[in-house]
Amino acid sequence: MTLPDFATTMDATWPALAVHRAGPWAVRAGAGGGKRVSAASAVGAWGPDDIALAEQAQRDLGQDRLFVIWPWDHALDAALQARGYAKIEPVVGYAAPVAAFAPPARMTSFPHWPPLQIAREIWAEGHISAARLAVMDRVLGPKTVILGRTADKPCGAAFVALHGTTAMIHAVEVRPSLRRKGAGRQILSAAAHWAADHGADRLALAVTQANSGARALYASLGMQPVEEYHYRLKV
């Protein structure tokens, strides 16, 4: 998976409400859907004075002055740091072939769309808001919700969407009382097998560097780090 592919797949499978052009910048209108869909990024040649164009566009949208920084954005990262932007929330992207995942155990996971009420409740318990569910509705390609079950109880949910031959998983949430019982593993396995059935050859996701528990799970499933990015926020 090449670096720009990961960014493009993220945009396709978790899209902004709208993307506005402000000079050399793409300024995303997130509508509460999360940081990346509310961040600006460079899409053309820029100079330090051009940063003000993105800042004004974000003010006009009522959003924070926020940029997503990909590995090729070294100059932008330095320019924003010089302007007092703080580095926040480093993220690691993981990917693995869908063929690497064992089939989920019987009756442990259920792909479906649109989200069942129980999936919505699990997400709400994990502070995944209605605005983030609206992001899922905006996805145009193949998509599904994976509802996980443990000990005959609904235990978790995740959203999966397809772009090209990559399936990206988002909004993974497992109820705290049912964690460490294999639910996350079964949800990811179900996501990979749904993806394979829809023509994907790879499953990918993004997780904060600080989430060591989730990263250990993904590594145990054979997923490898393929990407890193972070944000710069004006404080």
C-alpha atoms as a PDB file:
ATOM      1  CA  MET A   1       0.000   0.000   0.000  1.00  0.00           C
ATOM      2  CA  THR A   2       1.669   3.231  -1.108  1.00  0.00           C
ATOM      3  CA  LEU A   3       1.433   6.305   1.055  1.00  0.00           C
ATOM      4  CA  PRO A   4      -0.969   8.390  -1.078  1.00  0.00           C
ATOM      5  CA  ASP A   5      -3.217   5.331  -1.456  1.00  0.00           C
ATOM      6  CA  PHE A   6      -3.810   5.246   2.290  1.00  0.00           C
ATOM      7  CA  ALA A   7      -4.821   8.921   2.394  1.00  0.00           C
ATOM      8  CA  THR A   8      -7.129   8.528  -0.594  1.00  0.00           C
ATOM      9  CA  THR A   9      -8.772   5.453   0.906  1.00  0.00           C
ATOM     10  CA  MET A  10      -9.311   7.267   4.196  1.00  0.00           C
ATOM     11  CA  ASP A  11     -11.033  10.136   2.358  1.00  0.00           C
ATOM     12  CA  ALA A  12     -13.258   7.755   0.395  1.00  0.00           C
ATOM     13  CA  THR A  13     -14.300   5.553   3.305  1.00  0.00           C
ATOM     14  CA  TRP A  14     -14.721   8.302   5.924  1.00  0.00           C
ATOM     15  CA  PRO A  15     -15.631  11.402   3.884  1.00  0.00           C
ATOM     16  CA  ALA A  16     -16.045  15.012   4.876  1.00  0.00           C
ATOM     17  CA  LEU A  17     -19.414  16.687   4.438  1.00  0.00           C
ATOM     18  CA  ALA A  18     -17.785  18.958   1.844  1.00  0.00           C
ATOM     19  CA  VAL A  19     -14.313  19.911   0.676  1.00  0.00           C
ATOM     20  CA  HIS A  20     -13.644  23.564  -0.123  1.00  0.00           C
ATOM     21  CA  ARG A  21     -10.710  24.882  -2.138  1.00  0.00           C
ATOM     22  CA  ALA A  22      -8.888  27.850  -0.607  1.00  0.00           C
ATOM     23  CA  GLY A  23      -5.890  28.634  -2.791  1.00  0.00           C
ATOM     24  CA  PRO A  24      -3.530  25.637  -2.529  1.00  0.00           C
ATOM     25  CA  TRP A  25      -5.534  24.012   0.271  1.00  0.00           C
ATOM     26  CA  ALA A  26      -8.338  21.497   0.551  1.00  0.00           C
ATOM     27  CA  VAL A  27     -10.360  22.590   3.570  1.00  0.00           C
ATOM     28  CA  ARG A  28     -12.751  19.910   4.811  1.00  0.00           C
ATOM     29  CA  ALA A  29     -16.073  20.632   6.448  1.00  0.00           C
ATOM     30  CA  GLY A  30     -16.354  17.928   9.067  1.00  0.00           C
ATOM     31  CA  ALA A  31     -19.790  18.599  10.605  1.00  0.00           C
ATOM     32  CA  GLY A  32     -18.601  16.908  13.799  1.00  0.00           C
ATOM     33  CA  GLY A  33     -17.363  13.793  12.042  1.00  0.00           C
ATOM     34  CA  GLY A  34     -13.852  13.830  13.494  1.00  0.00           C
ATOM     35  CA  LYS A  35     -10.472  15.515  13.127  1.00  0.00           C
ATOM     36  CA  ARG A  36      -9.373  14.230   9.735  1.00  0.00           C
ATOM     37  CA  VAL A  37     -12.630  15.210   8.036  1.00  0.00           C
ATOM     38  CA  SER A  38     -12.313  18.665   9.602  1.00  0.00           C
ATOM     39  CA  ALA A  39      -8.674  19.268   8.654  1.00  0.00           C
ATOM     40  CA  ALA A  40      -7.003  21.202   5.863  1.00  0.00           C
ATOM     41  CA  SER A  41      -4.322  19.712   3.634  1.00  0.00           C
ATOM     42  CA  ALA A  42      -2.087  20.956   0.843  1.00  0.00           C
ATOM     43  CA  VAL A  43      -3.217  20.101  -2.698  1.00  0.00           C
ATOM     44  CA  GLY A  44      -0.973  22.539  -4.570  1.00  0.00           C
ATOM     45  CA  ALA A  45       2.221  24.538  -4.283  1.00  0.00           C
ATOM     46  CA  TRP A  46       2.038  26.834  -1.283  1.00  0.00           C
ATOM     47  CA  GLY A  47       4.084  29.457   0.512  1.00  0.00           C
ATOM     48  CA  PRO A  48       4.002  30.516   4.172  1.00  0.00           C
ATOM     49  CA  ASP A  49       1.701  33.447   3.421  1.00  0.00           C
ATOM     50  CA  ASP A  50      -0.857  31.049   1.935  1.00  0.00           C
ATOM     51  CA  ILE A  51      -1.514  29.414   5.303  1.00  0.00           C
ATOM     52  CA  ALA A  52      -3.752  32.359   6.176  1.00  0.00           C
ATOM     53  CA  LEU A  53      -6.108  31.335   3.350  1.00  0.00           C
ATOM     54  CA  ALA A  54      -6.768  27.969   4.981  1.00  0.00           C
ATOM     55  CA  GLU A  55      -7.112  29.580   8.398  1.00  0.00           C
ATOM     56  CA  GLN A  56      -9.745  32.004   7.145  1.00  0.00           C
ATOM     57  CA  ALA A  57     -11.674  29.241   5.404  1.00  0.00           C
ATOM     58  CA  GLN A  58     -11.744  27.267   8.629  1.00  0.00           C
ATOM     59  CA  ARG A  59     -12.939  30.299  10.574  1.00  0.00           C
ATOM     60  CA  ASP A  60     -15.705  30.744   7.995  1.00  0.00           C
ATOM     61  CA  LEU A  61     -16.758  27.139   8.639  1.00  0.00           C
ATOM     62  CA  GLY A  62     -16.682  27.662  12.411  1.00  0.00           C
ATOM     63  CA  GLN A  63     -13.926  25.062  12.783  1.00  0.00           C
ATOM     64  CA  ASP A  64     -10.594  24.900  14.564  1.00  0.00           C
ATOM     65  CA  ARG A  65      -7.481  25.802  12.601  1.00  0.00           C
ATOM     66  CA  LEU A  66      -6.396  22.241  12.004  1.00  0.00           C
ATOM     67  CA  PHE A  67      -4.141  20.577   9.415  1.00  0.00           C
ATOM     68  CA  VAL A  68      -3.529  16.895   8.735  1.00  0.00           C
ATOM     69  CA  ILE A  69       0.175  16.205   8.219  1.00  0.00           C
ATOM     70  CA  TRP A  70       1.200  13.241   6.064  1.00  0.00           C
ATOM     71  CA  PRO A  71       4.797  11.982   5.724  1.00  0.00           C
ATOM     72  CA  TRP A  72       5.382  14.069   2.591  1.00  0.00           C
ATOM     73  CA  ASP A  73       4.361  17.288   4.418  1.00  0.00           C
ATOM     74  CA  HIS A  74       7.697  18.007   6.143  1.00  0.00           C
ATOM     75  CA  ALA A  75       7.839  21.641   5.054  1.00  0.00           C
ATOM     76  CA  LEU A  76       4.237  22.285   6.068  1.00  0.00           C
ATOM     77  CA  ASP A  77       4.819  20.635   9.422  1.00  0.00           C
ATOM     78  CA  ALA A  78       7.760  22.945  10.108  1.00  0.00           C
ATOM     79  CA  ALA A  79       5.902  26.039   8.898  1.00  0.00           C
ATOM     80  CA  LEU A  80       2.925  25.345  11.140  1.00  0.00           C
ATOM     81  CA  GLN A  81       5.145  24.651  14.121  1.00  0.00           C
ATOM     82  CA  ALA A  82       6.779  28.031  13.562  1.00  0.00           C
ATOM     83  CA  ARG A  83       3.316  29.638  13.596  1.00  0.00           C
ATOM     84  CA  GLY A  84       2.516  28.155  17.005  1.00  0.00           C
ATOM     85  CA  TYR A  85       0.598  25.078  15.927  1.00  0.00           C
ATOM     86  CA  ALA A  86       0.794  22.154  18.354  1.00  0.00           C
ATOM     87  CA  LYS A  87       1.413  18.603  17.178  1.00  0.00           C
ATOM     88  CA  ILE A  88      -1.454  16.402  18.337  1.00  0.00           C
ATOM     89  CA  GLU A  89      -2.729  12.844  18.061  1.00  0.00           C
ATOM     90  CA  PRO A  90      -0.131  10.895  16.077  1.00  0.00           C
ATOM     91  CA  VAL A  91      -1.816   8.077  14.165  1.00  0.00           C
ATOM     92  CA  VAL A  92      -0.537   4.771  12.776  1.00  0.00           C
ATOM     93  CA  GLY A  93      -2.126   3.070   9.776  1.00  0.00           C
ATOM     94  CA  TYR A  94      -2.151  -0.730   9.622  1.00  0.00           C
ATOM     95  CA  ALA A  95      -2.938  -3.117   6.777  1.00  0.00           C
ATOM     96  CA  ALA A  96      -2.928  -6.823   5.999  1.00  0.00           C
ATOM     97  CA  PRO A  97      -4.118  -9.099   3.198  1.00  0.00           C
ATOM     98  CA  VAL A  98      -7.671 -10.250   3.809  1.00  0.00           C
ATOM     99  CA  ALA A  99      -6.465 -13.800   3.203  1.00  0.00           C
ATOM    100  CA  ALA A 100      -4.393 -13.572   6.392  1.00  0.00           C
ATOM    101  CA  PHE A 101      -7.501 -13.559   8.603  1.00  0.00           C
ATOM    102  CA  ALA A 102      -9.069 -16.769   9.857  1.00  0.00           C
ATOM    103  CA  PRO A 103     -12.852 -17.003   9.429  1.00  0.00           C
ATOM    104  CA  PRO A 104     -14.788 -15.619  12.390  1.00  0.00           C
ATOM    105  CA  ALA A 105     -16.281 -18.164  14.741  1.00  0.00           C
ATOM    106  CA  ARG A 106     -19.913 -19.044  14.078  1.00  0.00           C
ATOM    107  CA  MET A 107     -22.491 -16.617  15.519  1.00  0.00           C
ATOM    108  CA  THR A 108     -19.867 -14.154  16.751  1.00  0.00           C
ATOM    109  CA  SER A 109     -20.353 -11.441  14.125  1.00  0.00           C
ATOM    110  CA  PHE A 110     -23.035 -10.213  11.761  1.00  0.00           C
ATOM    111  CA  PRO A 111     -22.452  -7.915   8.769  1.00  0.00           C
ATOM    112  CA  HIS A 112     -25.467  -5.712   8.001  1.00  0.00           C
ATOM    113  CA  TRP A 113     -26.515  -2.319   6.655  1.00  0.00           C
ATOM    114  CA  PRO A 114     -28.039   0.028   7.706  1.00  0.00           C
ATOM    115  CA  PRO A 115     -26.877  -0.104  11.342  1.00  0.00           C
ATOM    116  CA  LEU A 116     -29.163  -1.939  13.720  1.00  0.00           C
ATOM    117  CA  GLN A 117     -30.297  -0.033  16.775  1.00  0.00           C
ATOM    118  CA  ILE A 118     -28.063  -2.145  19.027  1.00  0.00           C
ATOM    119  CA  ALA A 119     -25.010  -1.140  16.975  1.00  0.00           C
ATOM    120  CA  ARG A 120     -26.028   2.507  17.333  1.00  0.00           C
ATOM    121  CA  GLU A 121     -26.361   2.028  21.097  1.00  0.00           C
ATOM    122  CA  ILE A 122     -22.908   0.437  21.369  1.00  0.00           C
ATOM    123  CA  TRP A 123     -21.381   3.338  19.435  1.00  0.00           C
ATOM    124  CA  ALA A 124     -23.231   5.878  21.570  1.00  0.00           C
ATOM    125  CA  GLU A 125     -21.865   4.214  24.711  1.00  0.00           C
ATOM    126  CA  GLY A 126     -18.377   4.680  23.239  1.00  0.00           C
ATOM    127  CA  HIS A 127     -19.046   8.367  22.435  1.00  0.00           C
ATOM    128  CA  ILE A 128     -19.265   7.734  18.692  1.00  0.00           C
ATOM    129  CA  SER A 129     -21.800  10.412  17.950  1.00  0.00           C
ATOM    130  CA  ALA A 130     -24.657  10.780  15.502  1.00  0.00           C
ATOM    131  CA  ALA A 131     -22.382  13.093  13.495  1.00  0.00           C
ATOM    132  CA  ARG A 132     -19.984  10.202  12.972  1.00  0.00           C
ATOM    133  CA  LEU A 133     -22.811   7.905  11.954  1.00  0.00           C
ATOM    134  CA  ALA A 134     -23.718  10.573   9.381  1.00  0.00           C
ATOM    135  CA  VAL A 135     -20.223  10.129   7.922  1.00  0.00           C
ATOM    136  CA  MET A 136     -21.036   6.444   7.373  1.00  0.00           C
ATOM    137  CA  ASP A 137     -24.231   7.393   5.553  1.00  0.00           C
ATOM    138  CA  ARG A 138     -22.207   9.594   3.172  1.00  0.00           C
ATOM    139  CA  VAL A 139     -20.015   6.743   1.929  1.00  0.00           C
ATOM    140  CA  LEU A 140     -21.033   5.900  -1.628  1.00  0.00           C
ATOM    141  CA  GLY A 141     -19.285   2.565  -2.173  1.00  0.00           C
ATOM    142  CA  PRO A 142     -19.883  -0.870  -0.632  1.00  0.00           C
ATOM    143  CA  LYS A 143     -20.132  -0.660   3.144  1.00  0.00           C
ATOM    144  CA  THR A 144     -21.328  -2.622   6.135  1.00  0.00           C
ATOM    145  CA  VAL A 145     -21.572  -2.674   9.917  1.00  0.00           C
ATOM    146  CA  ILE A 146     -20.090  -5.604  11.803  1.00  0.00           C
ATOM    147  CA  LEU A 147     -22.013  -6.393  14.981  1.00  0.00           C
ATOM    148  CA  GLY A 148     -19.982  -8.536  17.360  1.00  0.00           C
ATOM    149  CA  ARG A 149     -21.352 -10.996  19.928  1.00  0.00           C
ATOM    150  CA  THR A 150     -19.685 -12.566  22.970  1.00  0.00           C
ATOM    151  CA  ALA A 151     -21.335 -15.009  25.383  1.00  0.00           C
ATOM    152  CA  ASP A 152     -24.561 -14.566  23.392  1.00  0.00           C
ATOM    153  CA  LYS A 153     -24.545 -10.806  24.056  1.00  0.00           C
ATOM    154  CA  PRO A 154     -24.006  -7.916  21.632  1.00  0.00           C
ATOM    155  CA  CYS A 155     -20.523  -6.736  22.502  1.00  0.00           C
ATOM    156  CA  GLY A 156     -19.159  -4.473  19.789  1.00  0.00           C
ATOM    157  CA  ALA A 157     -19.548  -2.801  16.436  1.00  0.00           C
ATOM    158  CA  ALA A 158     -17.408  -1.518  13.595  1.00  0.00           C
ATOM    159  CA  PHE A 159     -17.956   0.180  10.243  1.00  0.00           C
ATOM    160  CA  VAL A 160     -16.262  -1.115   7.086  1.00  0.00           C
ATOM    161  CA  ALA A 161     -16.186   0.509   3.645  1.00  0.00           C
ATOM    162  CA  LEU A 162     -14.535  -0.422   0.383  1.00  0.00           C
ATOM    163  CA  HIS A 163     -12.417   1.742  -1.929  1.00  0.00           C
ATOM    164  CA  GLY A 164     -10.863  -0.031  -4.880  1.00  0.00           C
ATOM    165  CA  THR A 165      -9.449  -3.275  -3.542  1.00  0.00           C
ATOM    166  CA  THR A 166      -8.915  -1.969   0.004  1.00  0.00           C
ATOM    167  CA  ALA A 167     -11.472  -2.190   2.796  1.00  0.00           C
ATOM    168  CA  MET A 168     -11.020   0.325   5.595  1.00  0.00           C
ATOM    169  CA  ILE A 169     -12.417  -0.341   9.045  1.00  0.00           C
ATOM    170  CA  HIS A 170     -13.539   2.572  11.228  1.00  0.00           C
ATOM    171  CA  ALA A 171     -15.329   3.192  14.522  1.00  0.00           C
ATOM    172  CA  VAL A 172     -14.323  -0.044  16.228  1.00  0.00           C
ATOM    173  CA  GLU A 173     -16.019  -0.136  19.622  1.00  0.00           C
ATOM    174  CA  VAL A 174     -16.265  -2.991  22.150  1.00  0.00           C
ATOM    175  CA  ARG A 175     -18.240  -2.636  25.353  1.00  0.00           C
ATOM    176  CA  PRO A 176     -15.825  -2.313  28.311  1.00  0.00           C
ATOM    177  CA  SER A 177     -17.416  -5.164  30.277  1.00  0.00           C
ATOM    178  CA  LEU A 178     -16.926  -7.551  27.357  1.00  0.00           C
ATOM    179  CA  ARG A 179     -13.389  -6.637  26.328  1.00  0.00           C
ATOM    180  CA  ARG A 180     -10.482  -9.102  26.384  1.00  0.00           C
ATOM    181  CA  LYS A 181     -12.799 -11.936  25.376  1.00  0.00           C
ATOM    182  CA  GLY A 182     -11.864 -12.068  21.701  1.00  0.00           C
ATOM    183  CA  ALA A 183     -14.570  -9.741  20.406  1.00  0.00           C
ATOM    184  CA  GLY A 184     -12.184  -7.403  18.611  1.00  0.00           C
ATOM    185  CA  ARG A 185     -10.470 -10.309  16.880  1.00  0.00           C
ATOM    186  CA  GLN A 186     -13.802 -11.723  15.680  1.00  0.00           C
ATOM    187  CA  ILE A 187     -14.994  -8.312  14.439  1.00  0.00           C
ATOM    188  CA  LEU A 188     -11.827  -7.780  12.397  1.00  0.00           C
ATOM    189  CA  SER A 189     -11.982 -11.302  11.006  1.00  0.00           C
ATOM    190  CA  ALA A 190     -15.588 -10.737   9.971  1.00  0.00           C
ATOM    191  CA  ALA A 191     -14.616  -7.425   8.365  1.00  0.00           C
ATOM    192  CA  ALA A 192     -11.850  -9.104   6.380  1.00  0.00           C
ATOM    193  CA  HIS A 193     -14.136 -11.852   5.140  1.00  0.00           C
ATOM    194  CA  TRP A 194     -16.892  -9.411   4.190  1.00  0.00           C
ATOM    195  CA  ALA A 195     -14.230  -7.419   2.328  1.00  0.00           C
ATOM    196  CA  ALA A 196     -13.005 -10.497   0.463  1.00  0.00           C
ATOM    197  CA  ASP A 197     -16.565 -11.306  -0.571  1.00  0.00           C
ATOM    198  CA  HIS A 198     -16.811  -7.796  -2.064  1.00  0.00           C
ATOM    199  CA  GLY A 199     -13.591  -7.972  -4.074  1.00  0.00           C
ATOM    200  CA  ALA A 200     -11.082  -6.498  -1.634  1.00  0.00           C
ATOM    201  CA  ASP A 201      -7.635  -7.987  -1.161  1.00  0.00           C
ATOM    202  CA  ARG A 202      -6.553  -5.882   1.818  1.00  0.00           C
ATOM    203  CA  LEU A 203      -7.964  -4.652   5.141  1.00  0.00           C
ATOM    204  CA  ALA A 204      -6.675  -1.399   6.622  1.00  0.00           C
ATOM    205  CA  LEU A 205      -7.368   0.844   9.592  1.00  0.00           C
ATOM    206  CA  ALA A 206      -5.937   3.769  11.525  1.00  0.00           C
ATOM    207  CA  VAL A 207      -5.333   3.958  15.273  1.00  0.00           C
ATOM    208  CA  THR A 208      -3.727   6.505  17.575  1.00  0.00           C
ATOM    209  CA  GLN A 209      -0.154   5.736  18.573  1.00  0.00           C
ATOM    210  CA  ALA A 210      -1.208   5.940  22.217  1.00  0.00           C
ATOM    211  CA  ASN A 211      -3.720   3.069  21.917  1.00  0.00           C
ATOM    212  CA  SER A 212      -1.266   0.318  22.758  1.00  0.00           C
ATOM    213  CA  GLY A 213      -3.945  -2.290  23.455  1.00  0.00           C
ATOM    214  CA  ALA A 214      -5.537  -1.972  20.028  1.00  0.00           C
ATOM    215  CA  ARG A 215      -2.153  -1.878  18.322  1.00  0.00           C
ATOM    216  CA  ALA A 216      -1.159  -5.126  20.047  1.00  0.00           C
ATOM    217  CA  LEU A 217      -4.362  -6.744  18.786  1.00  0.00           C
ATOM    218  CA  TYR A 218      -3.748  -5.608  15.215  1.00  0.00           C
ATOM    219  CA  ALA A 219      -0.171  -6.855  15.310  1.00  0.00           C
ATOM    220  CA  SER A 220      -1.326 -10.228  16.647  1.00  0.00           C
ATOM    221  CA  LEU A 221      -3.618 -10.517  13.621  1.00  0.00           C
ATOM    222  CA  GLY A 222      -0.683 -10.014  11.264  1.00  0.00           C
ATOM    223  CA  MET A 223      -1.450  -6.380  10.424  1.00  0.00           C
ATOM    224  CA  GLN A 224       1.625  -4.275   9.695  1.00  0.00           C
ATOM    225  CA  PRO A 225       2.207  -0.520  10.105  1.00  0.00           C
ATOM    226  CA  VAL A 226       2.074   1.058   6.653  1.00  0.00           C
ATOM    227  CA  GLU A 227       1.496   4.737   7.348  1.00  0.00           C
ATOM    228  CA  GLU A 228       1.767   7.494   9.942  1.00  0.00           C
ATOM    229  CA  TYR A 229       0.221  10.937  10.155  1.00  0.00           C
ATOM    230  CA  HIS A 230      -0.572  13.549  12.749  1.00  0.00           C
ATOM    231  CA  TYR A 231      -2.310  16.882  13.133  1.00  0.00           C
ATOM    232  CA  ARG A 232      -1.249  20.447  13.756  1.00  0.00           C
ATOM    233  CA  LEU A 233      -3.721  22.509  15.784  1.00  0.00           C
ATOM    234  CA  LYS A 234      -3.541  26.245  16.447  1.00  0.00           C
ATOM    235  CA  VAL A 235      -3.728  26.681  20.216  1.00  0.00           C
END
